[in-house]
């Protein structure tokens, strides 16, 4: 199914400014809020591409009711892995800049324009990242400003990834809080599924090592913590995935790394894993209390 009348590839490449792509599998009911947060921020020469990964919860039916010429929906008949769906979502884009949105996250007002302006201002930048607000599945705010800890306004890909390795976490953030230069993110494809919990930061690490990452220290997106999110499903694997990816990257790349870095990384990874478990359990307790009180 396609909504609207997509232009030819040549026309799209010459005219599309921003491509927002949303890979989704069983995205109800949050996909509505996601689209509603994106569409008001887009101009006539922007696009939204939704890759529906064989959803069975009404997502496809809802998308068929979205009548906006900037929105194109691709319905898959067979489910593919999350990494493969993300890769297809990026491949379908035609814009100069690309933003991948998880189907339960949202943009805050002004996000698109601020991130476009940042990339326009720094030709050597491969991505711009902002802080994000953390909300639960009822839109209650858990953390008002989150992310980019210890990162200044700009840093190279190599230096930023090293800082993430030492911090034991993805300091840059989830894709919904980022915008990429199209040729850069496409050169880093595919998203890998060897370590699912770090498929985002492990892909950022494949961007041009000398390219610049721009950091906007204000929340421009909302990351949703819910019981059924991809992050929740992978919670038990996060420490293992990060550790294995870190060790593999350090063994095959030229990163300046010391024994003190190793110790700090292990301690930080343990502490951040506990913190994530706390927030997801907090959501689970709230869900249980609401269901019992219903």
C-alpha atoms as a PDB file:
ATOM      1  CA  UNK A   1       0.000   0.000   0.000  1.00  0.00           C
ATOM      2  CA  UNK A   2       1.214   3.487  -0.845  1.00  0.00           C
ATOM      3  CA  UNK A   3      -0.418   6.677   0.343  1.00  0.00           C
ATOM      4  CA  UNK A   4      -0.055   9.673  -1.917  1.00  0.00           C
ATOM      5  CA  UNK A   5       1.710   9.772  -5.288  1.00  0.00           C
ATOM      6  CA  UNK A   6       5.474   9.314  -4.783  1.00  0.00           C
ATOM      7  CA  UNK A   7       7.654  11.234  -7.206  1.00  0.00           C
ATOM      8  CA  UNK A   8      10.298   9.585  -9.336  1.00  0.00           C
ATOM      9  CA  UNK A   9      13.635   8.833  -7.657  1.00  0.00           C
ATOM     10  CA  UNK A  10      15.263  11.686  -9.598  1.00  0.00           C
ATOM     11  CA  UNK A  11      12.643  14.194  -8.451  1.00  0.00           C
ATOM     12  CA  UNK A  12      12.841  12.979  -4.861  1.00  0.00           C
ATOM     13  CA  UNK A  13      16.622  13.198  -4.728  1.00  0.00           C
ATOM     14  CA  UNK A  14      16.551  16.763  -6.027  1.00  0.00           C
ATOM     15  CA  UNK A  15      13.675  18.019  -3.876  1.00  0.00           C
ATOM     16  CA  UNK A  16      13.360  16.044  -0.647  1.00  0.00           C
ATOM     17  CA  UNK A  17      14.973  17.858   2.277  1.00  0.00           C
ATOM     18  CA  UNK A  18      14.174  15.598   5.244  1.00  0.00           C
ATOM     19  CA  UNK A  19      13.119  11.966   5.226  1.00  0.00           C
ATOM     20  CA  UNK A  20      11.558  10.734   8.455  1.00  0.00           C
ATOM     21  CA  UNK A  21      11.338   6.965   8.348  1.00  0.00           C
ATOM     22  CA  UNK A  22       9.380   4.876  10.838  1.00  0.00           C
ATOM     23  CA  UNK A  23       9.971   1.117  10.957  1.00  0.00           C
ATOM     24  CA  UNK A  24       7.079  -0.435  12.877  1.00  0.00           C
ATOM     25  CA  UNK A  25       5.846  -3.814  14.070  1.00  0.00           C
ATOM     26  CA  UNK A  26       2.603  -3.822  16.064  1.00  0.00           C
ATOM     27  CA  UNK A  27       2.844  -0.125  16.807  1.00  0.00           C
ATOM     28  CA  UNK A  28      -0.626   0.569  18.155  1.00  0.00           C
ATOM     29  CA  UNK A  29      -1.636   2.745  19.847  1.00  0.00           C
ATOM     30  CA  UNK A  30       1.538   4.852  19.899  1.00  0.00           C
ATOM     31  CA  UNK A  31       2.081   5.150  16.133  1.00  0.00           C
ATOM     32  CA  UNK A  32      -0.696   7.783  16.056  1.00  0.00           C
ATOM     33  CA  UNK A  33       1.149  10.031  18.513  1.00  0.00           C
ATOM     34  CA  UNK A  34       4.425   9.457  16.689  1.00  0.00           C
ATOM     35  CA  UNK A  35       3.004  10.609  13.345  1.00  0.00           C
ATOM     36  CA  UNK A  36       1.136  13.497  14.961  1.00  0.00           C
ATOM     37  CA  UNK A  37       4.402  14.754  16.450  1.00  0.00           C
ATOM     38  CA  UNK A  38       6.240  14.534  13.115  1.00  0.00           C
ATOM     39  CA  UNK A  39       3.864  15.789  10.418  1.00  0.00           C
ATOM     40  CA  UNK A  40       3.335  19.362  11.739  1.00  0.00           C
ATOM     41  CA  UNK A  41       7.109  19.889  11.644  1.00  0.00           C
ATOM     42  CA  UNK A  42       7.547  18.910   7.994  1.00  0.00           C
ATOM     43  CA  UNK A  43       7.375  21.067   4.896  1.00  0.00           C
ATOM     44  CA  UNK A  44       5.964  20.272   1.464  1.00  0.00           C
ATOM     45  CA  UNK A  45       9.353  18.963   0.302  1.00  0.00           C
ATOM     46  CA  UNK A  46       9.800  16.520   3.168  1.00  0.00           C
ATOM     47  CA  UNK A  47       8.617  12.930   3.399  1.00  0.00           C
ATOM     48  CA  UNK A  48       7.585  10.246   5.881  1.00  0.00           C
ATOM     49  CA  UNK A  49       8.187   6.595   5.026  1.00  0.00           C
ATOM     50  CA  UNK A  50       6.622   3.911   7.224  1.00  0.00           C
ATOM     51  CA  UNK A  51       7.806   0.324   6.829  1.00  0.00           C
ATOM     52  CA  UNK A  52       5.151  -1.857   8.450  1.00  0.00           C
ATOM     53  CA  UNK A  53       6.794  -5.148   9.402  1.00  0.00           C
ATOM     54  CA  UNK A  54       3.750  -7.445   9.021  1.00  0.00           C
ATOM     55  CA  UNK A  55       1.876  -5.935  11.978  1.00  0.00           C
ATOM     56  CA  UNK A  56      -1.127  -7.807  13.367  1.00  0.00           C
ATOM     57  CA  UNK A  57      -2.541  -5.286  15.845  1.00  0.00           C
ATOM     58  CA  UNK A  58      -4.349  -2.842  13.570  1.00  0.00           C
ATOM     59  CA  UNK A  59      -1.286  -0.795  12.603  1.00  0.00           C
ATOM     60  CA  UNK A  60      -1.796  -1.457   8.880  1.00  0.00           C
ATOM     61  CA  UNK A  61      -5.468  -0.556   9.079  1.00  0.00           C
ATOM     62  CA  UNK A  62      -4.695   2.681  10.900  1.00  0.00           C
ATOM     63  CA  UNK A  63      -2.023   3.650   8.382  1.00  0.00           C
ATOM     64  CA  UNK A  64      -4.536   3.193   5.552  1.00  0.00           C
ATOM     65  CA  UNK A  65      -6.543   6.072   7.076  1.00  0.00           C
ATOM     66  CA  UNK A  66      -3.606   8.506   6.970  1.00  0.00           C
ATOM     67  CA  UNK A  67      -4.182  10.704   3.930  1.00  0.00           C
ATOM     68  CA  UNK A  68      -1.170  12.959   3.552  1.00  0.00           C
ATOM     69  CA  UNK A  69       0.733  13.213   0.274  1.00  0.00           C
ATOM     70  CA  UNK A  70       4.036  13.315   2.186  1.00  0.00           C
ATOM     71  CA  UNK A  71       3.412   9.894   3.765  1.00  0.00           C
ATOM     72  CA  UNK A  72       4.316   6.661   2.005  1.00  0.00           C
ATOM     73  CA  UNK A  73       3.589   3.301   3.623  1.00  0.00           C
ATOM     74  CA  UNK A  74       5.213   0.014   2.735  1.00  0.00           C
ATOM     75  CA  UNK A  75       3.389  -3.049   4.054  1.00  0.00           C
ATOM     76  CA  UNK A  76       5.410  -6.223   4.404  1.00  0.00           C
ATOM     77  CA  UNK A  77       3.600  -9.553   4.238  1.00  0.00           C
ATOM     78  CA  UNK A  78       6.338 -11.393   6.156  1.00  0.00           C
ATOM     79  CA  UNK A  79       8.097 -10.338   9.348  1.00  0.00           C
ATOM     80  CA  UNK A  80      11.800  -9.565   9.158  1.00  0.00           C
ATOM     81  CA  UNK A  81      14.217  -8.839  12.005  1.00  0.00           C
ATOM     82  CA  UNK A  82      14.207  -5.408  13.607  1.00  0.00           C
ATOM     83  CA  UNK A  83      17.671  -4.703  12.171  1.00  0.00           C
ATOM     84  CA  UNK A  84      16.536  -5.703   8.668  1.00  0.00           C
ATOM     85  CA  UNK A  85      13.418  -3.535   8.978  1.00  0.00           C
ATOM     86  CA  UNK A  86      15.496  -0.557  10.090  1.00  0.00           C
ATOM     87  CA  UNK A  87      17.853  -1.142   7.154  1.00  0.00           C
ATOM     88  CA  UNK A  88      14.982  -1.241   4.673  1.00  0.00           C
ATOM     89  CA  UNK A  89      13.539   1.911   6.230  1.00  0.00           C
ATOM     90  CA  UNK A  90      16.794   3.804   5.627  1.00  0.00           C
ATOM     91  CA  UNK A  91      17.143   2.411   2.092  1.00  0.00           C
ATOM     92  CA  UNK A  92      13.700   3.747   1.129  1.00  0.00           C
ATOM     93  CA  UNK A  93      14.585   7.363   1.979  1.00  0.00           C
ATOM     94  CA  UNK A  94      15.436  10.040  -0.575  1.00  0.00           C
ATOM     95  CA  UNK A  95      16.115  13.099   1.560  1.00  0.00           C
ATOM     96  CA  UNK A  96      19.312  15.031   2.121  1.00  0.00           C
ATOM     97  CA  UNK A  97      18.832  14.377   5.834  1.00  0.00           C
ATOM     98  CA  UNK A  98      17.353  11.248   7.423  1.00  0.00           C
ATOM     99  CA  UNK A  99      15.633  10.722  10.750  1.00  0.00           C
ATOM    100  CA  UNK A 100      14.663   7.231  11.926  1.00  0.00           C
ATOM    101  CA  UNK A 101      11.821   7.225  14.450  1.00  0.00           C
ATOM    102  CA  UNK A 102      10.907   4.300  16.652  1.00  0.00           C
ATOM    103  CA  UNK A 103       7.137   3.892  16.381  1.00  0.00           C
ATOM    104  CA  UNK A 104       6.446   4.672  20.046  1.00  0.00           C
ATOM    105  CA  UNK A 105       8.674   7.761  20.365  1.00  0.00           C
ATOM    106  CA  UNK A 106       7.756  11.387  19.664  1.00  0.00           C
ATOM    107  CA  UNK A 107       9.337  14.639  18.545  1.00  0.00           C
ATOM    108  CA  UNK A 108       9.052  17.814  20.585  1.00  0.00           C
ATOM    109  CA  UNK A 109       8.172  21.053  18.745  1.00  0.00           C
ATOM    110  CA  UNK A 110      11.038  22.555  16.753  1.00  0.00           C
ATOM    111  CA  UNK A 111      13.070  19.364  16.585  1.00  0.00           C
ATOM    112  CA  UNK A 112      13.255  19.063  12.793  1.00  0.00           C
ATOM    113  CA  UNK A 113      14.176  22.704  12.150  1.00  0.00           C
ATOM    114  CA  UNK A 114      16.834  22.823  14.864  1.00  0.00           C
ATOM    115  CA  UNK A 115      18.475  19.635  13.678  1.00  0.00           C
ATOM    116  CA  UNK A 116      18.384  20.667  10.009  1.00  0.00           C
ATOM    117  CA  UNK A 117      19.946  24.012  10.922  1.00  0.00           C
ATOM    118  CA  UNK A 118      22.699  22.253  12.869  1.00  0.00           C
ATOM    119  CA  UNK A 119      23.606  19.964   9.967  1.00  0.00           C
ATOM    120  CA  UNK A 120      23.407  22.858   7.490  1.00  0.00           C
ATOM    121  CA  UNK A 121      25.928  24.778   9.579  1.00  0.00           C
ATOM    122  CA  UNK A 122      28.612  22.060   9.760  1.00  0.00           C
ATOM    123  CA  UNK A 123      29.418  20.462   6.413  1.00  0.00           C
ATOM    124  CA  UNK A 124      31.604  17.759   7.968  1.00  0.00           C
ATOM    125  CA  UNK A 125      28.893  16.618  10.416  1.00  0.00           C
ATOM    126  CA  UNK A 126      27.444  13.145   9.947  1.00  0.00           C
ATOM    127  CA  UNK A 127      24.760  13.479  12.636  1.00  0.00           C
ATOM    128  CA  UNK A 128      23.167  15.782  15.170  1.00  0.00           C
ATOM    129  CA  UNK A 129      21.835  14.458  18.466  1.00  0.00           C
ATOM    130  CA  UNK A 130      19.717  16.111  21.133  1.00  0.00           C
ATOM    131  CA  UNK A 131      18.793  15.288  24.683  1.00  0.00           C
ATOM    132  CA  UNK A 132      15.454  13.549  25.086  1.00  0.00           C
ATOM    133  CA  UNK A 133      12.611  13.416  27.557  1.00  0.00           C
ATOM    134  CA  UNK A 134      11.806   9.989  29.007  1.00  0.00           C
ATOM    135  CA  UNK A 135       8.094   9.183  29.274  1.00  0.00           C
ATOM    136  CA  UNK A 136       6.128   6.066  30.158  1.00  0.00           C
ATOM    137  CA  UNK A 137       3.295   4.476  28.197  1.00  0.00           C
ATOM    138  CA  UNK A 138       0.775   6.888  29.759  1.00  0.00           C
ATOM    139  CA  UNK A 139       2.871   9.937  28.707  1.00  0.00           C
ATOM    140  CA  UNK A 140       3.907  10.641  32.300  1.00  0.00           C
ATOM    141  CA  UNK A 141       7.353  12.231  32.396  1.00  0.00           C
ATOM    142  CA  UNK A 142       9.997  10.108  34.129  1.00  0.00           C
ATOM    143  CA  UNK A 143      13.029  12.273  33.240  1.00  0.00           C
ATOM    144  CA  UNK A 144      12.746  15.751  31.713  1.00  0.00           C
ATOM    145  CA  UNK A 145      16.281  15.998  30.317  1.00  0.00           C
ATOM    146  CA  UNK A 146      18.290  12.900  29.524  1.00  0.00           C
ATOM    147  CA  UNK A 147      21.399  12.090  27.526  1.00  0.00           C
ATOM    148  CA  UNK A 148      24.618  13.569  26.130  1.00  0.00           C
ATOM    149  CA  UNK A 149      26.293  13.354  29.553  1.00  0.00           C
ATOM    150  CA  UNK A 150      29.863  14.620  29.354  1.00  0.00           C
ATOM    151  CA  UNK A 151      29.599  15.502  25.657  1.00  0.00           C
ATOM    152  CA  UNK A 152      30.331  19.042  24.512  1.00  0.00           C
ATOM    153  CA  UNK A 153      28.747  20.819  21.548  1.00  0.00           C
ATOM    154  CA  UNK A 154      30.778  18.874  19.006  1.00  0.00           C
ATOM    155  CA  UNK A 155      33.085  15.885  18.837  1.00  0.00           C
ATOM    156  CA  UNK A 156      34.459  13.514  16.240  1.00  0.00           C
ATOM    157  CA  UNK A 157      32.868  10.123  15.737  1.00  0.00           C
ATOM    158  CA  UNK A 158      36.024   8.379  16.991  1.00  0.00           C
ATOM    159  CA  UNK A 159      36.260  10.415  20.207  1.00  0.00           C
ATOM    160  CA  UNK A 160      32.533  10.125  20.915  1.00  0.00           C
ATOM    161  CA  UNK A 161      32.477   6.362  20.489  1.00  0.00           C
ATOM    162  CA  UNK A 162      35.482   6.040  22.794  1.00  0.00           C
ATOM    163  CA  UNK A 163      33.602   8.041  25.422  1.00  0.00           C
ATOM    164  CA  UNK A 164      30.610   5.720  25.040  1.00  0.00           C
ATOM    165  CA  UNK A 165      32.804   2.652  25.486  1.00  0.00           C
ATOM    166  CA  UNK A 166      34.235   4.101  28.696  1.00  0.00           C
ATOM    167  CA  UNK A 167      30.828   5.204  29.980  1.00  0.00           C
ATOM    168  CA  UNK A 168      29.360   1.750  29.430  1.00  0.00           C
ATOM    169  CA  UNK A 169      26.408   3.143  27.497  1.00  0.00           C
ATOM    170  CA  UNK A 170      25.185   4.905  24.379  1.00  0.00           C
ATOM    171  CA  UNK A 171      25.740   8.546  25.325  1.00  0.00           C
ATOM    172  CA  UNK A 172      24.579   9.757  21.909  1.00  0.00           C
ATOM    173  CA  UNK A 173      21.046   8.435  22.224  1.00  0.00           C
ATOM    174  CA  UNK A 174      18.389   6.514  20.367  1.00  0.00           C
ATOM    175  CA  UNK A 175      17.735   7.271  16.669  1.00  0.00           C
ATOM    176  CA  UNK A 176      14.566   9.276  17.384  1.00  0.00           C
ATOM    177  CA  UNK A 177      16.719  11.959  19.024  1.00  0.00           C
ATOM    178  CA  UNK A 178      19.133  12.045  16.061  1.00  0.00           C
ATOM    179  CA  UNK A 179      19.216  13.254  12.476  1.00  0.00           C
ATOM    180  CA  UNK A 180      21.754  11.919   9.971  1.00  0.00           C
ATOM    181  CA  UNK A 181      23.304  13.185   6.790  1.00  0.00           C
ATOM    182  CA  UNK A 182      21.875  10.719   4.279  1.00  0.00           C
ATOM    183  CA  UNK A 183      25.088   9.650   2.540  1.00  0.00           C
ATOM    184  CA  UNK A 184      26.740   9.032   5.914  1.00  0.00           C
ATOM    185  CA  UNK A 185      24.072   6.798   7.444  1.00  0.00           C
ATOM    186  CA  UNK A 186      23.594   4.879   4.207  1.00  0.00           C
ATOM    187  CA  UNK A 187      27.331   4.172   4.065  1.00  0.00           C
ATOM    188  CA  UNK A 188      27.068   2.621   7.559  1.00  0.00           C
ATOM    189  CA  UNK A 189      24.297   0.200   6.606  1.00  0.00           C
ATOM    190  CA  UNK A 190      23.136  -2.400   7.447  1.00  0.00           C
ATOM    191  CA  UNK A 191      21.972  -2.090  11.019  1.00  0.00           C
ATOM    192  CA  UNK A 192      23.412  -5.191  12.639  1.00  0.00           C
ATOM    193  CA  UNK A 193      21.545  -7.784  14.685  1.00  0.00           C
ATOM    194  CA  UNK A 194      24.525  -9.545  16.246  1.00  0.00           C
ATOM    195  CA  UNK A 195      24.116  -7.449  19.415  1.00  0.00           C
ATOM    196  CA  UNK A 196      20.480  -6.217  19.279  1.00  0.00           C
ATOM    197  CA  UNK A 197      20.650  -3.954  22.325  1.00  0.00           C
ATOM    198  CA  UNK A 198      23.462  -1.887  20.814  1.00  0.00           C
ATOM    199  CA  UNK A 199      22.372  -1.938  17.177  1.00  0.00           C
ATOM    200  CA  UNK A 200      22.117   1.874  17.277  1.00  0.00           C
ATOM    201  CA  UNK A 201      25.489   2.866  18.789  1.00  0.00           C
ATOM    202  CA  UNK A 202      27.308   0.037  16.994  1.00  0.00           C
ATOM    203  CA  UNK A 203      26.043   1.522  13.716  1.00  0.00           C
ATOM    204  CA  UNK A 204      27.000   5.078  14.665  1.00  0.00           C
ATOM    205  CA  UNK A 205      30.510   3.715  15.231  1.00  0.00           C
ATOM    206  CA  UNK A 206      30.701   2.805  11.524  1.00  0.00           C
ATOM    207  CA  UNK A 207      30.237   6.399  10.393  1.00  0.00           C
ATOM    208  CA  UNK A 208      33.302   8.263   9.125  1.00  0.00           C
ATOM    209  CA  UNK A 209      35.648   8.283  12.146  1.00  0.00           C
ATOM    210  CA  UNK A 210      36.697  11.883  11.489  1.00  0.00           C
ATOM    211  CA  UNK A 211      33.200  13.196  10.850  1.00  0.00           C
ATOM    212  CA  UNK A 212      31.662  15.508  13.425  1.00  0.00           C
ATOM    213  CA  UNK A 213      28.825  14.686  15.790  1.00  0.00           C
ATOM    214  CA  UNK A 214      26.825  17.784  16.859  1.00  0.00           C
ATOM    215  CA  UNK A 215      25.148  17.771  20.275  1.00  0.00           C
ATOM    216  CA  UNK A 216      22.157  19.943  21.203  1.00  0.00           C
ATOM    217  CA  UNK A 217      21.831  20.088  24.975  1.00  0.00           C
ATOM    218  CA  UNK A 218      18.086  20.453  25.186  1.00  0.00           C
ATOM    219  CA  UNK A 219      15.351  17.806  24.829  1.00  0.00           C
ATOM    220  CA  UNK A 220      13.939  17.686  21.294  1.00  0.00           C
ATOM    221  CA  UNK A 221      12.435  14.193  21.385  1.00  0.00           C
ATOM    222  CA  UNK A 222      10.616  11.832  23.738  1.00  0.00           C
ATOM    223  CA  UNK A 223      11.809   8.284  24.315  1.00  0.00           C
ATOM    224  CA  UNK A 224       9.073   6.010  25.595  1.00  0.00           C
ATOM    225  CA  UNK A 225       9.668   3.380  28.279  1.00  0.00           C
ATOM    226  CA  UNK A 226       6.932   0.775  27.997  1.00  0.00           C
ATOM    227  CA  UNK A 227       6.471  -2.875  28.884  1.00  0.00           C
ATOM    228  CA  UNK A 228       6.286  -3.991  25.256  1.00  0.00           C
ATOM    229  CA  UNK A 229       8.992  -1.816  23.698  1.00  0.00           C
ATOM    230  CA  UNK A 230      11.993  -3.291  21.954  1.00  0.00           C
ATOM    231  CA  UNK A 231      14.216  -2.010  24.752  1.00  0.00           C
ATOM    232  CA  UNK A 232      12.091  -3.758  27.354  1.00  0.00           C
ATOM    233  CA  UNK A 233      12.231  -7.049  25.476  1.00  0.00           C
ATOM    234  CA  UNK A 234      16.037  -6.866  25.313  1.00  0.00           C
ATOM    235  CA  UNK A 235      16.579  -5.657  28.874  1.00  0.00           C
ATOM    236  CA  UNK A 236      18.203  -8.859  30.095  1.00  0.00           C
ATOM    237  CA  UNK A 237      20.710  -8.781  27.240  1.00  0.00           C
ATOM    238  CA  UNK A 238      21.893  -5.196  27.482  1.00  0.00           C
ATOM    239  CA  UNK A 239      25.045  -5.677  29.576  1.00  0.00           C
ATOM    240  CA  UNK A 240      26.139  -8.746  27.631  1.00  0.00           C
ATOM    241  CA  UNK A 241      25.545  -7.101  24.236  1.00  0.00           C
ATOM    242  CA  UNK A 242      27.393  -3.923  25.185  1.00  0.00           C
ATOM    243  CA  UNK A 243      30.323  -5.848  26.650  1.00  0.00           C
ATOM    244  CA  UNK A 244      30.705  -8.104  23.620  1.00  0.00           C
ATOM    245  CA  UNK A 245      30.419  -5.205  21.160  1.00  0.00           C
ATOM    246  CA  UNK A 246      32.921  -3.121  23.151  1.00  0.00           C
ATOM    247  CA  UNK A 247      35.470  -5.921  23.273  1.00  0.00           C
ATOM    248  CA  UNK A 248      35.070  -6.705  19.574  1.00  0.00           C
ATOM    249  CA  UNK A 249      35.457  -3.060  18.597  1.00  0.00           C
ATOM    250  CA  UNK A 250      38.537  -2.558  20.745  1.00  0.00           C
ATOM    251  CA  UNK A 251      40.198  -5.667  19.340  1.00  0.00           C
ATOM    252  CA  UNK A 252      39.736  -4.603  15.734  1.00  0.00           C
ATOM    253  CA  UNK A 253      40.054  -0.796  15.826  1.00  0.00           C
ATOM    254  CA  UNK A 254      42.629   1.804  16.751  1.00  0.00           C
ATOM    255  CA  UNK A 255      41.148   3.277  19.903  1.00  0.00           C
ATOM    256  CA  UNK A 256      43.347   4.709  22.617  1.00  0.00           C
ATOM    257  CA  UNK A 257      42.458   2.498  25.597  1.00  0.00           C
ATOM    258  CA  UNK A 258      44.032   1.917  29.004  1.00  0.00           C
ATOM    259  CA  UNK A 259      43.538  -0.425  31.938  1.00  0.00           C
ATOM    260  CA  UNK A 260      41.840   2.417  33.814  1.00  0.00           C
ATOM    261  CA  UNK A 261      39.431   2.800  30.879  1.00  0.00           C
ATOM    262  CA  UNK A 262      38.614  -0.905  31.125  1.00  0.00           C
ATOM    263  CA  UNK A 263      37.887  -0.685  34.853  1.00  0.00           C
ATOM    264  CA  UNK A 264      35.743   2.431  34.420  1.00  0.00           C
ATOM    265  CA  UNK A 265      33.798   0.825  31.566  1.00  0.00           C
ATOM    266  CA  UNK A 266      32.981  -2.288  33.637  1.00  0.00           C
ATOM    267  CA  UNK A 267      31.831  -0.251  36.648  1.00  0.00           C
ATOM    268  CA  UNK A 268      29.767   2.149  34.541  1.00  0.00           C
ATOM    269  CA  UNK A 269      28.138  -0.663  32.574  1.00  0.00           C
ATOM    270  CA  UNK A 270      27.047  -2.378  35.796  1.00  0.00           C
ATOM    271  CA  UNK A 271      25.608   0.817  37.282  1.00  0.00           C
ATOM    272  CA  UNK A 272      23.736   1.860  34.154  1.00  0.00           C
ATOM    273  CA  UNK A 273      22.278  -1.627  33.744  1.00  0.00           C
ATOM    274  CA  UNK A 274      20.803  -1.391  37.253  1.00  0.00           C
ATOM    275  CA  UNK A 275      19.353   2.052  36.478  1.00  0.00           C
ATOM    276  CA  UNK A 276      17.618   0.820  33.321  1.00  0.00           C
ATOM    277  CA  UNK A 277      16.132  -2.119  35.170  1.00  0.00           C
ATOM    278  CA  UNK A 278      14.802   0.268  37.805  1.00  0.00           C
ATOM    279  CA  UNK A 279      12.925   2.422  35.279  1.00  0.00           C
ATOM    280  CA  UNK A 280      11.424  -0.498  33.390  1.00  0.00           C
ATOM    281  CA  UNK A 281      10.319  -2.145  36.655  1.00  0.00           C
ATOM    282  CA  UNK A 282       8.814   1.169  37.749  1.00  0.00           C
ATOM    283  CA  UNK A 283       6.690   1.153  34.592  1.00  0.00           C
ATOM    284  CA  UNK A 284       5.713  -2.479  35.168  1.00  0.00           C
ATOM    285  CA  UNK A 285       4.631  -1.728  38.756  1.00  0.00           C
ATOM    286  CA  UNK A 286       2.552   1.227  37.588  1.00  0.00           C
ATOM    287  CA  UNK A 287       0.894  -0.913  34.904  1.00  0.00           C
ATOM    288  CA  UNK A 288       0.039  -3.586  37.454  1.00  0.00           C
ATOM    289  CA  UNK A 289      -1.423  -1.035  39.878  1.00  0.00           C
ATOM    290  CA  UNK A 290      -3.540   0.536  37.124  1.00  0.00           C
ATOM    291  CA  UNK A 291      -4.852  -2.828  35.947  1.00  0.00           C
ATOM    292  CA  UNK A 292      -5.753  -3.862  39.505  1.00  0.00           C
ATOM    293  CA  UNK A 293      -7.525  -0.570  40.102  1.00  0.00           C
ATOM    294  CA  UNK A 294      -9.478  -0.722  36.862  1.00  0.00           C
END
